[in-house]
């Protein structure tokens, strides 16, 4: 006569998990829970979680087992592998949450700046319009240099190379353009 081993006494975990997935079988889930919950909790505790965290992660794991049982595919692995993969992933998520502090909406870095006052916004628009008019009034070669320098962020030497001009010519044209802009914008006091 053959002795029964632990494997003979252990219910068929695949059948139990499939019953939970197919029929939401509470009795099958209870057997799975009684078998795996203590093992998952011990696993979580070994990974360095305190007792409370290990308990919470075990509960999250077993809830996920209940909710995702219909996704289990016996051809891809054992029930224990599937459950402990869920547990490991939940532990990784918990670890990431610990390392990344919660968002504080009152942190000054995240509080938007006060809206610009209407008169300040109007002044900025007027200065912008005046600047565009002043640039449009410049000779074409000076306006082109300003656009390359400020709108395309090119250095004086890059502009000289691009336009096939001596560097000194680029610099002197830029100085002339700035003088004309200063004169045109003098009454605003923002350009020096």
C-alpha atoms as a PDB file:
ATOM      1  CA  UNK A   1       0.000   0.000   0.000  1.00  0.00           C
ATOM      2  CA  UNK A   2       1.281   3.427  -1.016  1.00  0.00           C
ATOM      3  CA  UNK A   3       1.596   6.295   1.512  1.00  0.00           C
ATOM      4  CA  UNK A   4      -0.062   9.561   0.661  1.00  0.00           C
ATOM      5  CA  UNK A   5       2.394  12.404   0.164  1.00  0.00           C
ATOM      6  CA  UNK A   6       1.758  16.138   0.487  1.00  0.00           C
ATOM      7  CA  UNK A   7       1.308  16.283  -3.292  1.00  0.00           C
ATOM      8  CA  UNK A   8      -1.504  13.710  -3.030  1.00  0.00           C
ATOM      9  CA  UNK A   9      -3.244  15.747  -0.338  1.00  0.00           C
ATOM     10  CA  UNK A  10      -2.830  19.116  -2.114  1.00  0.00           C
ATOM     11  CA  UNK A  11      -5.891  19.931  -4.199  1.00  0.00           C
ATOM     12  CA  UNK A  12      -5.382  20.489  -7.901  1.00  0.00           C
ATOM     13  CA  UNK A  13      -4.453  24.175  -7.879  1.00  0.00           C
ATOM     14  CA  UNK A  14      -4.998  24.559 -11.626  1.00  0.00           C
ATOM     15  CA  UNK A  15      -8.562  23.264 -11.343  1.00  0.00           C
ATOM     16  CA  UNK A  16      -9.233  25.519  -8.349  1.00  0.00           C
ATOM     17  CA  UNK A  17      -7.889  28.626 -10.076  1.00  0.00           C
ATOM     18  CA  UNK A  18      -9.804  27.809 -13.257  1.00  0.00           C
ATOM     19  CA  UNK A  19     -12.988  27.418 -11.188  1.00  0.00           C
ATOM     20  CA  UNK A  20     -12.419  30.842  -9.672  1.00  0.00           C
ATOM     21  CA  UNK A  21     -11.824  32.325 -13.109  1.00  0.00           C
ATOM     22  CA  UNK A  22     -14.749  30.628 -14.817  1.00  0.00           C
ATOM     23  CA  UNK A  23     -17.415  30.599 -12.120  1.00  0.00           C
ATOM     24  CA  UNK A  24     -16.126  32.895  -9.362  1.00  0.00           C
ATOM     25  CA  UNK A  25     -16.166  29.773  -7.152  1.00  0.00           C
ATOM     26  CA  UNK A  26     -15.788  30.990  -3.544  1.00  0.00           C
ATOM     27  CA  UNK A  27     -14.958  27.553  -2.135  1.00  0.00           C
ATOM     28  CA  UNK A  28     -12.163  27.098  -4.652  1.00  0.00           C
ATOM     29  CA  UNK A  29     -10.886  30.592  -3.863  1.00  0.00           C
ATOM     30  CA  UNK A  30     -10.930  29.848  -0.143  1.00  0.00           C
ATOM     31  CA  UNK A  31      -8.725  26.778  -0.685  1.00  0.00           C
ATOM     32  CA  UNK A  32      -6.336  28.846  -2.820  1.00  0.00           C
ATOM     33  CA  UNK A  33      -6.338  31.625  -0.230  1.00  0.00           C
ATOM     34  CA  UNK A  34      -5.609  29.275   2.689  1.00  0.00           C
ATOM     35  CA  UNK A  35      -2.760  27.691   0.734  1.00  0.00           C
ATOM     36  CA  UNK A  36      -1.105  30.745  -0.827  1.00  0.00           C
ATOM     37  CA  UNK A  37      -1.845  33.692   1.503  1.00  0.00           C
ATOM     38  CA  UNK A  38       0.612  32.630   4.256  1.00  0.00           C
ATOM     39  CA  UNK A  39       3.279  31.794   1.670  1.00  0.00           C
ATOM     40  CA  UNK A  40       2.860  35.139  -0.103  1.00  0.00           C
ATOM     41  CA  UNK A  41       3.003  36.986   3.225  1.00  0.00           C
ATOM     42  CA  UNK A  42       6.202  35.150   4.199  1.00  0.00           C
ATOM     43  CA  UNK A  43       7.661  35.940   0.771  1.00  0.00           C
ATOM     44  CA  UNK A  44       6.849  39.636   1.211  1.00  0.00           C
ATOM     45  CA  UNK A  45       8.364  39.662   4.695  1.00  0.00           C
ATOM     46  CA  UNK A  46      11.563  38.052   3.337  1.00  0.00           C
ATOM     47  CA  UNK A  47      11.810  40.829   0.737  1.00  0.00           C
ATOM     48  CA  UNK A  48      12.265  43.291   3.555  1.00  0.00           C
ATOM     49  CA  UNK A  49       8.775  44.570   4.096  1.00  0.00           C
ATOM     50  CA  UNK A  50       7.579  45.131   7.617  1.00  0.00           C
ATOM     51  CA  UNK A  51       4.751  42.967   8.908  1.00  0.00           C
ATOM     52  CA  UNK A  52       2.032  45.454   8.020  1.00  0.00           C
ATOM     53  CA  UNK A  53       3.357  45.996   4.489  1.00  0.00           C
ATOM     54  CA  UNK A  54       3.716  42.223   3.993  1.00  0.00           C
ATOM     55  CA  UNK A  55       0.087  41.776   5.115  1.00  0.00           C
ATOM     56  CA  UNK A  56      -1.161  44.544   2.802  1.00  0.00           C
ATOM     57  CA  UNK A  57       0.752  43.190  -0.195  1.00  0.00           C
ATOM     58  CA  UNK A  58      -0.507  39.664   0.506  1.00  0.00           C
ATOM     59  CA  UNK A  59      -4.081  40.973   0.539  1.00  0.00           C
ATOM     60  CA  UNK A  60      -3.529  42.921  -2.682  1.00  0.00           C
ATOM     61  CA  UNK A  61      -2.053  39.802  -4.274  1.00  0.00           C
ATOM     62  CA  UNK A  62      -4.969  37.611  -3.279  1.00  0.00           C
ATOM     63  CA  UNK A  63      -7.468  40.231  -4.480  1.00  0.00           C
ATOM     64  CA  UNK A  64      -5.626  40.296  -7.807  1.00  0.00           C
ATOM     65  CA  UNK A  65      -5.818  36.485  -7.934  1.00  0.00           C
ATOM     66  CA  UNK A  66      -9.601  36.715  -7.489  1.00  0.00           C
ATOM     67  CA  UNK A  67      -9.956  39.480 -10.107  1.00  0.00           C
ATOM     68  CA  UNK A  68      -7.552  38.032 -12.680  1.00  0.00           C
ATOM     69  CA  UNK A  69      -8.134  34.295 -12.295  1.00  0.00           C
ATOM     70  CA  UNK A  70      -9.775  34.143 -15.721  1.00  0.00           C
ATOM     71  CA  UNK A  71      -6.457  35.297 -17.257  1.00  0.00           C
ATOM     72  CA  UNK A  72      -4.479  32.347 -15.911  1.00  0.00           C
ATOM     73  CA  UNK A  73      -3.144  30.083 -18.668  1.00  0.00           C
ATOM     74  CA  UNK A  74      -1.970  26.673 -17.360  1.00  0.00           C
ATOM     75  CA  UNK A  75       0.121  26.152 -20.498  1.00  0.00           C
ATOM     76  CA  UNK A  76       2.332  29.093 -19.543  1.00  0.00           C
ATOM     77  CA  UNK A  77       3.247  28.014 -16.036  1.00  0.00           C
ATOM     78  CA  UNK A  78       2.246  26.747 -12.634  1.00  0.00           C
ATOM     79  CA  UNK A  79      -0.350  28.399 -10.415  1.00  0.00           C
ATOM     80  CA  UNK A  80       2.298  29.202  -7.826  1.00  0.00           C
ATOM     81  CA  UNK A  81       4.492  30.891 -10.441  1.00  0.00           C
ATOM     82  CA  UNK A  82       1.544  32.970 -11.625  1.00  0.00           C
ATOM     83  CA  UNK A  83       0.557  34.032  -8.106  1.00  0.00           C
ATOM     84  CA  UNK A  84       4.095  34.850  -7.013  1.00  0.00           C
ATOM     85  CA  UNK A  85       4.630  36.878 -10.197  1.00  0.00           C
ATOM     86  CA  UNK A  86       1.615  38.973  -9.231  1.00  0.00           C
ATOM     87  CA  UNK A  87       3.039  39.318  -5.716  1.00  0.00           C
ATOM     88  CA  UNK A  88       6.474  40.322  -6.999  1.00  0.00           C
ATOM     89  CA  UNK A  89       5.001  42.936  -9.340  1.00  0.00           C
ATOM     90  CA  UNK A  90       2.891  44.409  -6.540  1.00  0.00           C
ATOM     91  CA  UNK A  91       5.998  44.563  -4.319  1.00  0.00           C
ATOM     92  CA  UNK A  92       7.907  46.399  -7.073  1.00  0.00           C
ATOM     93  CA  UNK A  93       5.050  48.882  -7.418  1.00  0.00           C
ATOM     94  CA  UNK A  94       5.007  49.435  -3.656  1.00  0.00           C
ATOM     95  CA  UNK A  95       8.781  49.950  -3.633  1.00  0.00           C
ATOM     96  CA  UNK A  96       8.483  52.541  -6.400  1.00  0.00           C
ATOM     97  CA  UNK A  97       5.774  54.384  -4.484  1.00  0.00           C
ATOM     98  CA  UNK A  98       8.032  54.461  -1.412  1.00  0.00           C
ATOM     99  CA  UNK A  99      10.910  55.919  -3.403  1.00  0.00           C
ATOM    100  CA  UNK A 100       8.760  58.498  -5.184  1.00  0.00           C
ATOM    101  CA  UNK A 101       7.063  60.849  -2.755  1.00  0.00           C
ATOM    102  CA  UNK A 102       3.431  61.709  -3.231  1.00  0.00           C
ATOM    103  CA  UNK A 103       2.635  64.775  -5.268  1.00  0.00           C
ATOM    104  CA  UNK A 104       2.119  67.816  -3.059  1.00  0.00           C
ATOM    105  CA  UNK A 105      -0.157  70.260  -4.859  1.00  0.00           C
ATOM    106  CA  UNK A 106       0.912  73.004  -2.431  1.00  0.00           C
ATOM    107  CA  UNK A 107       4.603  72.669  -3.291  1.00  0.00           C
ATOM    108  CA  UNK A 108       5.674  76.105  -4.579  1.00  0.00           C
ATOM    109  CA  UNK A 109       7.289  74.460  -7.587  1.00  0.00           C
ATOM    110  CA  UNK A 110       3.873  73.222  -8.725  1.00  0.00           C
ATOM    111  CA  UNK A 111       1.782  76.277  -7.883  1.00  0.00           C
ATOM    112  CA  UNK A 112       1.166  78.294 -11.039  1.00  0.00           C
ATOM    113  CA  UNK A 113       2.387  81.841 -11.158  1.00  0.00           C
ATOM    114  CA  UNK A 114      -0.177  84.518 -10.633  1.00  0.00           C
ATOM    115  CA  UNK A 115      -1.774  85.669 -13.835  1.00  0.00           C
ATOM    116  CA  UNK A 116      -0.204  88.762 -15.290  1.00  0.00           C
ATOM    117  CA  UNK A 117      -2.103  91.917 -14.555  1.00  0.00           C
ATOM    118  CA  UNK A 118      -4.117  93.205 -17.473  1.00  0.00           C
ATOM    119  CA  UNK A 119      -2.131  96.432 -17.725  1.00  0.00           C
ATOM    120  CA  UNK A 120       1.208  94.575 -17.629  1.00  0.00           C
ATOM    121  CA  UNK A 121      -0.021  92.245 -20.367  1.00  0.00           C
ATOM    122  CA  UNK A 122      -1.183  95.208 -22.442  1.00  0.00           C
ATOM    123  CA  UNK A 123       2.183  96.941 -21.963  1.00  0.00           C
ATOM    124  CA  UNK A 124       4.027  93.785 -23.042  1.00  0.00           C
ATOM    125  CA  UNK A 125       1.868  93.531 -26.155  1.00  0.00           C
ATOM    126  CA  UNK A 126       2.487  97.170 -27.008  1.00  0.00           C
ATOM    127  CA  UNK A 127       6.254  96.738 -26.581  1.00  0.00           C
ATOM    128  CA  UNK A 128       6.154  93.619 -28.744  1.00  0.00           C
ATOM    129  CA  UNK A 129       4.229  95.421 -31.481  1.00  0.00           C
ATOM    130  CA  UNK A 130       6.607  98.394 -31.282  1.00  0.00           C
ATOM    131  CA  UNK A 131       9.599  96.045 -31.506  1.00  0.00           C
ATOM    132  CA  UNK A 132       8.184  94.310 -34.580  1.00  0.00           C
ATOM    133  CA  UNK A 133       7.517  97.679 -36.216  1.00  0.00           C
ATOM    134  CA  UNK A 134      11.041  98.840 -35.371  1.00  0.00           C
ATOM    135  CA  UNK A 135      12.590  95.671 -36.834  1.00  0.00           C
ATOM    136  CA  UNK A 136      10.456  96.026 -39.966  1.00  0.00           C
ATOM    137  CA  UNK A 137      11.746  99.602 -40.382  1.00  0.00           C
ATOM    138  CA  UNK A 138      15.394  98.460 -40.331  1.00  0.00           C
ATOM    139  CA  UNK A 139      17.323  97.980 -43.568  1.00  0.00           C
ATOM    140  CA  UNK A 140      16.862  94.372 -44.768  1.00  0.00           C
ATOM    141  CA  UNK A 141      20.470  93.297 -44.062  1.00  0.00           C
ATOM    142  CA  UNK A 142      20.232  94.515 -40.443  1.00  0.00           C
ATOM    143  CA  UNK A 143      16.798  92.962 -39.873  1.00  0.00           C
ATOM    144  CA  UNK A 144      18.017  89.669 -41.343  1.00  0.00           C
ATOM    145  CA  UNK A 145      20.994  89.630 -38.957  1.00  0.00           C
ATOM    146  CA  UNK A 146      18.754  90.256 -35.934  1.00  0.00           C
ATOM    147  CA  UNK A 147      16.381  87.485 -36.971  1.00  0.00           C
ATOM    148  CA  UNK A 148      19.249  85.024 -37.441  1.00  0.00           C
ATOM    149  CA  UNK A 149      20.798  85.997 -34.123  1.00  0.00           C
ATOM    150  CA  UNK A 150      17.689  86.094 -31.926  1.00  0.00           C
ATOM    151  CA  UNK A 151      15.034  83.972 -33.596  1.00  0.00           C
ATOM    152  CA  UNK A 152      17.348  81.244 -34.902  1.00  0.00           C
ATOM    153  CA  UNK A 153      19.839  81.586 -32.016  1.00  0.00           C
ATOM    154  CA  UNK A 154      22.900  81.727 -34.279  1.00  0.00           C
ATOM    155  CA  UNK A 155      26.243  83.136 -33.164  1.00  0.00           C
ATOM    156  CA  UNK A 156      27.871  86.055 -34.973  1.00  0.00           C
ATOM    157  CA  UNK A 157      30.496  83.761 -36.501  1.00  0.00           C
ATOM    158  CA  UNK A 158      27.815  81.294 -37.686  1.00  0.00           C
ATOM    159  CA  UNK A 159      25.900  84.192 -39.285  1.00  0.00           C
ATOM    160  CA  UNK A 160      29.096  85.429 -40.984  1.00  0.00           C
ATOM    161  CA  UNK A 161      29.735  81.964 -42.400  1.00  0.00           C
ATOM    162  CA  UNK A 162      26.118  81.489 -43.475  1.00  0.00           C
ATOM    163  CA  UNK A 163      25.891  84.860 -45.237  1.00  0.00           C
ATOM    164  CA  UNK A 164      29.491  84.781 -46.498  1.00  0.00           C
ATOM    165  CA  UNK A 165      30.287  88.076 -44.769  1.00  0.00           C
ATOM    166  CA  UNK A 166      33.303  89.126 -42.725  1.00  0.00           C
ATOM    167  CA  UNK A 167      32.718  88.784 -38.983  1.00  0.00           C
ATOM    168  CA  UNK A 168      33.453  92.499 -38.471  1.00  0.00           C
ATOM    169  CA  UNK A 169      30.698  93.417 -40.952  1.00  0.00           C
ATOM    170  CA  UNK A 170      28.180  91.250 -39.099  1.00  0.00           C
ATOM    171  CA  UNK A 171      29.135  92.842 -35.767  1.00  0.00           C
ATOM    172  CA  UNK A 172      28.993  96.417 -37.078  1.00  0.00           C
ATOM    173  CA  UNK A 173      25.594  95.834 -38.737  1.00  0.00           C
ATOM    174  CA  UNK A 174      24.292  94.346 -35.502  1.00  0.00           C
ATOM    175  CA  UNK A 175      25.522  97.417 -33.563  1.00  0.00           C
ATOM    176  CA  UNK A 176      23.792  99.733 -36.047  1.00  0.00           C
ATOM    177  CA  UNK A 177      20.579  97.697 -35.801  1.00  0.00           C
ATOM    178  CA  UNK A 178      20.653  97.891 -31.986  1.00  0.00           C
ATOM    179  CA  UNK A 179      21.176 101.651 -32.051  1.00  0.00           C
ATOM    180  CA  UNK A 180      18.161 102.084 -34.320  1.00  0.00           C
ATOM    181  CA  UNK A 181      16.055  99.802 -32.122  1.00  0.00           C
ATOM    182  CA  UNK A 182      17.103 101.721 -28.967  1.00  0.00           C
ATOM    183  CA  UNK A 183      16.056 104.981 -30.559  1.00  0.00           C
ATOM    184  CA  UNK A 184      12.727 103.556 -31.714  1.00  0.00           C
ATOM    185  CA  UNK A 185      11.928 102.015 -28.321  1.00  0.00           C
ATOM    186  CA  UNK A 186      13.412 104.707 -26.083  1.00  0.00           C
ATOM    187  CA  UNK A 187      10.095 105.965 -24.791  1.00  0.00           C
ATOM    188  CA  UNK A 188       9.219 102.521 -23.311  1.00  0.00           C
ATOM    189  CA  UNK A 189      12.370 102.440 -21.142  1.00  0.00           C
ATOM    190  CA  UNK A 190      12.593  98.610 -21.409  1.00  0.00           C
ATOM    191  CA  UNK A 191      15.442  98.414 -23.909  1.00  0.00           C
ATOM    192  CA  UNK A 192      18.886  99.587 -22.891  1.00  0.00           C
END
